[in-house]
Protein backbone atom coordinates (compact mmCIF):
# COMPACT_ATOMS: atom_id res chain seq x y z
CA UNK A 1 317.36 81.84 254.88
CA UNK A 2 315.10 80.15 258.02
CA UNK A 3 311.86 81.49 258.86
CA UNK A 4 313.13 82.46 262.30
CA UNK A 5 315.29 84.48 260.70
CA UNK A 6 313.08 85.92 258.21
CA UNK A 7 310.96 86.81 260.98
CA UNK A 8 313.62 88.03 263.00
CA UNK A 9 314.50 90.63 260.20
CA UNK A 10 311.00 91.67 259.94
CA UNK A 11 310.68 92.76 263.33
CA UNK A 12 314.19 94.55 263.30
CA UNK A 13 312.93 96.47 260.14
CA UNK A 14 309.67 96.90 262.09
CA UNK A 15 311.08 98.62 265.08
CA UNK A 16 313.42 100.88 263.41
CA UNK A 17 310.19 102.26 261.26
CA UNK A 18 308.24 103.00 264.25
CA UNK A 19 311.76 104.77 265.31
CA UNK A 20 312.01 106.96 262.09
CA UNK A 21 308.29 107.16 262.50
CA UNK A 22 308.08 108.67 265.76
CA UNK A 23 311.09 111.19 264.78
CA UNK A 24 310.25 112.07 261.55
CA UNK A 25 308.09 115.42 262.35
CA UNK A 26 310.83 116.65 265.08
CA UNK A 27 313.39 115.71 262.18
CA UNK A 28 311.67 117.57 259.38
CA UNK A 29 310.59 121.05 261.74
CA UNK A 30 314.73 120.86 262.47
CA UNK A 31 315.16 120.45 258.67
CA UNK A 32 313.49 123.22 257.59
CA UNK A 33 314.70 125.61 260.38
CA UNK A 34 318.13 125.50 259.17
CA UNK A 35 319.80 128.62 258.26
CA UNK A 36 323.63 129.71 258.27
CA UNK A 37 325.39 132.61 257.63
CA UNK A 38 328.71 132.66 256.36
CA UNK A 39 331.56 135.63 255.22
CA UNK A 40 333.64 135.99 253.01
CA UNK A 41 337.29 135.23 253.82
CA UNK A 42 337.76 139.08 253.62
CA UNK A 43 334.39 139.73 255.40
CA UNK A 44 332.54 141.85 252.49
CA UNK A 45 330.77 139.74 251.28
CA UNK A 46 327.51 138.08 254.19
CA UNK A 47 325.24 135.02 253.15
CA UNK A 48 322.57 133.58 254.78
CA UNK A 49 321.96 130.38 253.15
CA UNK A 50 318.31 127.71 253.49
CA UNK A 51 317.96 124.33 254.55
CA UNK A 52 318.18 123.92 250.90
CA UNK A 53 320.97 125.48 250.17
CA UNK A 54 319.57 128.10 248.54
CA UNK A 55 320.24 131.93 248.71
CA UNK A 56 318.34 134.02 252.18
CA UNK A 57 319.83 136.80 252.25
CA UNK A 58 323.10 138.74 250.96
CA UNK A 59 325.20 141.23 252.09
CA UNK A 60 327.92 143.66 250.61
CA UNK A 61 329.88 145.23 252.38
CA UNK A 62 330.31 148.84 251.55
CA UNK A 63 333.36 148.56 251.19
CA UNK A 64 333.05 146.27 247.99
CA UNK A 65 332.02 149.58 246.19
CA UNK A 66 336.04 150.62 246.16
CA UNK A 67 336.82 147.75 244.21
CA UNK A 68 336.52 148.16 240.82
CA UNK A 69 337.05 144.30 239.79
CA UNK A 70 333.52 143.04 239.04
CA UNK A 71 334.49 139.02 238.49
CA UNK A 72 336.38 139.06 241.86
CA UNK A 73 333.43 140.40 243.42
CA UNK A 74 331.10 138.06 241.58
CA UNK A 75 333.62 134.87 242.60
CA UNK A 76 333.78 136.06 246.35
CA UNK A 77 329.40 136.18 246.25
CA UNK A 78 330.14 132.69 244.79
CA UNK A 79 332.26 130.65 246.66
CA UNK A 80 330.88 132.34 249.49
CA UNK A 81 327.15 131.15 249.15
CA UNK A 82 328.40 127.59 248.54
CA UNK A 83 330.43 127.35 251.49
CA UNK A 84 326.77 128.60 253.09
CA UNK A 85 325.16 125.03 250.82
CA UNK A 86 327.72 123.05 252.31
CA UNK A 87 327.41 124.24 255.67
CA UNK A 88 323.16 123.86 255.68
CA UNK A 89 324.40 120.69 254.24
CA UNK A 90 326.45 119.31 256.59
CA UNK A 91 323.85 120.63 258.96
CA UNK A 92 320.81 118.80 257.45
CA UNK A 93 323.65 115.68 258.20
CA UNK A 94 323.93 116.34 261.50
CA UNK A 95 319.84 115.85 262.17
CA UNK A 96 319.46 113.17 260.07
CA UNK A 97 322.67 111.05 261.43
CA UNK A 98 320.24 109.37 264.09
CA UNK A 99 317.96 108.35 261.46
CA UNK A 100 319.54 107.41 258.38
CA UNK A 101 323.12 106.40 257.00
CA UNK A 102 325.20 109.42 256.74
CA UNK A 103 325.69 108.07 252.65
CA UNK A 104 321.89 107.66 251.85
CA UNK A 105 321.68 111.56 253.53
CA UNK A 106 324.68 112.53 251.18
CA UNK A 107 323.27 110.57 247.92
CA UNK A 108 320.09 112.75 248.65
CA UNK A 109 321.39 116.16 249.45
CA UNK A 110 322.63 115.74 246.52
CA UNK A 111 319.92 114.50 244.17
CA UNK A 112 321.09 111.16 244.00
CA UNK A 113 318.34 108.54 245.41
CA UNK A 114 319.30 105.93 243.15
CA UNK A 115 322.25 105.18 245.69
CA UNK A 116 319.63 105.45 247.88
CA UNK A 117 316.69 102.84 246.35
CA UNK A 118 320.09 100.89 245.60
CA UNK A 119 321.26 100.37 248.95
CA UNK A 120 317.11 99.74 250.20
CA UNK A 121 316.71 97.38 247.23
CA UNK A 122 320.20 94.98 248.63
CA UNK A 123 319.97 95.76 251.89
CA UNK A 124 316.57 95.65 252.81
CA UNK A 125 314.46 93.62 249.98
CA UNK A 126 317.03 90.79 248.91
CA UNK A 127 318.41 92.79 245.64
CA UNK A 128 315.32 92.35 243.64
CA UNK A 129 312.67 94.95 244.77
CA UNK A 130 313.22 97.33 241.43
CA UNK A 131 314.59 95.75 239.13
């Protein structure tokens, strides 16, 4: 690559870095405040899920005690919490979209940092940085 091309790429990366740095505080605050409330289909189970998909609160409608099938209730609770975790991840993705590529955010939310670093290695540093 010619020196002008390298300089242009360096300038582009520096501009992107400044944009990310300037917005990261607000992004972190937005991510911290994510809270999703979801209901089971029959509205007997309500789960409040936090920014990392963690259960913050679980509410059970008193009608659940009329049902004698504990496995069905456990499944309903689990499905409702998982639904909330997916919605929280989607909301985090929306907040991150202006800062990072969607695939990177999805990989990080799923705990896959290797995908992020592989893209960084290939796209930004020419493929040799992390080897």
